[in-house]
Amino acid sequence: YGHPTRACTCSLTKVSLYLNRISGPLLDRMDLQVEVPPVEYERMADSRPAESSAEIKKRVEAARLVQQRRYAGTGVTCNARLTPALLKKYCVLTPEADRLLAAAYERMGLSGRSYDRMLRVARTIADLDGSDAIQSTHLAEAIQYRTTELLSRE
């Protein structure tokens, strides 16, 4: 199921049972839910240099520093620890991002917990991008990290 080049031979019932093997309340507690497809040969054999771990580490450290400064005096050190009240204060969405979140909320049937987790992830993506506000691109990426939840509700 979900393989890019091989057709699934399972019935829709079997696929549904497989996707629903983890309960909704448990999925709600996972920030990132991503299906990982097999890597194509061309990508594995690509000799172009990718972003180094050291470069990624620098971006992550810079984002964490922004978070530590932002939350100074709140008892919170990172986006993952934001309380609902702090979410409202620090997870400011652009109007376009707000419309996208409203549509995703309805389409995916998100719970309050899933909604909060998606905002936290979008805030982190915005921090990694150096953005004060959560843009629609940040939110779209956060939505993509809830693919398992979306598939299990279809």
Protein backbone atom coordinates (compact mmCIF):
# COMPACT_ATOMS: atom_id res chain seq x y z
CA TYR A 1 0.00 0.00 0.00
CA GLY A 2 1.35 3.40 -0.95
CA HIS A 3 4.31 2.12 -2.98
CA PRO A 4 5.00 4.48 -5.89
CA THR A 5 5.55 1.74 -8.52
CA ARG A 6 3.94 -1.45 -7.20
CA ALA A 7 0.19 -1.84 -7.06
CA CYS A 8 -1.34 -2.88 -3.75
CA THR A 9 -3.31 -6.14 -3.89
CA CYS A 10 -5.07 -5.63 -0.54
CA SER A 11 -8.78 -5.03 -0.30
CA LEU A 12 -10.01 -1.62 0.86
CA THR A 13 -11.12 -3.27 4.10
CA LYS A 14 -7.60 -4.63 4.75
CA VAL A 15 -6.06 -1.22 3.95
CA SER A 16 -8.50 0.49 6.31
CA LEU A 17 -7.77 -2.00 9.10
CA TYR A 18 -4.04 -1.48 8.62
CA LEU A 19 -4.31 2.32 8.68
CA ASN A 20 -6.54 2.27 11.76
CA ARG A 21 -4.32 -0.06 13.81
CA ILE A 22 -3.17 2.91 15.87
CA SER A 23 -6.01 4.68 17.66
CA GLY A 24 -6.88 8.31 17.05
CA PRO A 25 -6.08 9.39 20.63
CA LEU A 26 -2.59 7.86 20.30
CA LEU A 27 -2.02 9.54 16.92
CA ASP A 28 -3.10 12.84 18.48
CA ARG A 29 -0.06 12.62 20.75
CA MET A 30 2.42 12.33 17.86
CA ASP A 31 3.75 15.59 16.45
CA LEU A 32 4.99 14.09 13.20
CA GLN A 33 3.21 11.33 11.30
CA VAL A 34 4.99 10.66 8.04
CA GLU A 35 4.90 7.75 5.63
CA VAL A 36 8.35 7.09 4.28
CA PRO A 37 8.28 5.80 0.70
CA PRO A 38 11.12 3.71 -0.73
CA VAL A 39 14.00 5.75 -2.12
CA GLU A 40 14.36 5.60 -5.90
CA TYR A 41 17.68 4.39 -7.30
CA GLU A 42 18.36 7.70 -9.08
CA ARG A 43 18.17 9.55 -5.80
CA MET A 44 20.42 7.08 -4.00
CA ALA A 45 22.99 7.24 -6.83
CA ASP A 46 22.89 11.05 -7.07
CA SER A 47 26.41 12.30 -6.38
CA ARG A 48 25.48 15.95 -5.82
CA PRO A 49 26.31 17.03 -2.27
CA ALA A 50 23.38 17.34 0.08
CA GLU A 51 23.12 19.78 2.97
CA SER A 52 25.64 18.64 5.57
CA SER A 53 24.72 17.63 9.10
CA ALA A 54 26.84 20.54 10.35
CA GLU A 55 24.77 23.02 8.30
CA ILE A 56 21.54 21.50 9.53
CA LYS A 57 22.82 21.63 13.11
CA LYS A 58 23.54 25.37 12.73
CA ARG A 59 19.99 26.03 11.51
CA VAL A 60 18.48 24.01 14.36
CA GLU A 61 20.65 25.75 16.96
CA ALA A 62 19.68 29.16 15.57
CA ALA A 63 15.98 28.24 15.74
CA ARG A 64 16.36 26.96 19.31
CA LEU A 65 18.08 30.22 20.31
CA VAL A 66 15.17 32.20 18.84
CA GLN A 67 12.77 30.05 20.87
CA GLN A 68 14.74 30.46 24.09
CA ARG A 69 14.74 34.24 23.66
CA ARG A 70 11.07 34.36 22.71
CA TYR A 71 9.96 32.34 25.73
CA ALA A 72 12.35 33.88 28.29
CA GLY A 73 10.57 34.21 31.61
CA THR A 74 7.65 31.96 30.64
CA GLY A 75 9.05 28.68 31.94
CA VAL A 76 8.96 27.34 28.38
CA THR A 77 12.15 26.70 26.41
CA CYS A 78 10.90 25.41 23.07
CA ASN A 79 7.82 25.21 20.85
CA ALA A 80 7.05 21.62 21.87
CA ARG A 81 6.32 22.82 25.40
CA LEU A 82 3.92 25.66 24.53
CA THR A 83 0.77 25.79 26.62
CA PRO A 84 -2.56 26.56 24.93
CA ALA A 85 -2.39 30.18 26.17
CA LEU A 86 1.14 30.62 24.82
CA LEU A 87 0.11 29.01 21.53
CA LYS A 88 -2.41 31.80 20.99
CA LYS A 89 0.21 34.43 21.79
CA TYR A 90 3.17 33.07 19.81
CA CYS A 91 1.64 31.08 16.95
CA VAL A 92 0.40 34.03 14.92
CA LEU A 93 -0.87 32.97 11.51
CA THR A 94 -1.06 35.11 8.41
CA PRO A 95 -4.64 35.38 7.07
CA GLU A 96 -3.80 32.93 4.26
CA ALA A 97 -2.32 30.44 6.76
CA ASP A 98 -5.41 30.81 8.96
CA ARG A 99 -7.68 29.94 6.02
CA LEU A 100 -5.51 26.93 5.22
CA LEU A 101 -5.64 25.72 8.83
CA ALA A 102 -9.42 26.13 8.94
CA ALA A 103 -9.76 24.04 5.77
CA ALA A 104 -7.37 21.38 7.09
CA TYR A 105 -9.17 21.28 10.42
CA GLU A 106 -12.47 20.53 8.71
CA ARG A 107 -11.08 18.18 6.04
CA MET A 108 -8.95 16.14 8.43
CA GLY A 109 -11.40 16.22 11.34
CA LEU A 110 -8.64 17.37 13.70
CA SER A 111 -9.03 17.18 17.44
CA GLY A 112 -8.03 20.07 19.67
CA ARG A 113 -4.84 18.21 20.55
CA SER A 114 -3.97 17.66 16.86
CA TYR A 115 -4.68 21.32 16.13
CA ASP A 116 -2.28 22.41 18.89
CA ARG A 117 0.42 20.00 17.74
CA MET A 118 0.13 21.21 14.16
CA LEU A 119 0.55 24.82 15.33
CA ARG A 120 3.65 23.89 17.34
CA VAL A 121 5.20 22.16 14.33
CA ALA A 122 4.32 25.08 12.04
CA ARG A 123 5.89 27.50 14.57
CA THR A 124 9.09 25.41 14.49
CA ILE A 125 9.14 25.37 10.69
CA ALA A 126 8.69 29.15 10.68
CA ASP A 127 11.56 29.47 13.18
CA LEU A 128 13.81 27.36 10.96
CA ASP A 129 12.83 29.66 8.09
CA GLY A 130 13.58 32.80 10.16
CA SER A 131 9.98 34.02 10.05
CA ASP A 132 8.17 35.79 12.90
CA ALA A 133 4.72 34.83 11.59
CA ILE A 134 3.54 31.42 10.49
CA GLN A 135 3.08 31.63 6.73
CA SER A 136 0.86 29.31 4.67
CA THR A 137 3.99 27.48 3.41
CA HIS A 138 5.00 26.70 7.00
CA LEU A 139 1.53 25.46 7.82
CA ALA A 140 1.29 23.43 4.60
CA GLU A 141 4.50 21.63 5.57
CA ALA A 142 3.15 20.98 9.07
CA ILE A 143 -0.05 19.57 7.55
CA GLN A 144 2.03 17.20 5.43
CA TYR A 145 3.53 15.82 8.63
CA ARG A 146 0.04 14.63 9.64
CA THR A 147 -0.42 12.35 6.59
CA THR A 148 -1.05 9.21 8.64
CA GLU A 149 -3.89 10.95 10.44
CA LEU A 150 -5.37 12.11 7.12
CA LEU A 151 -5.15 8.63 5.57
CA SER A 152 -6.73 6.97 8.60
CA ARG A 153 -9.78 9.27 8.35
CA GLU A 154 -10.46 8.70 4.65
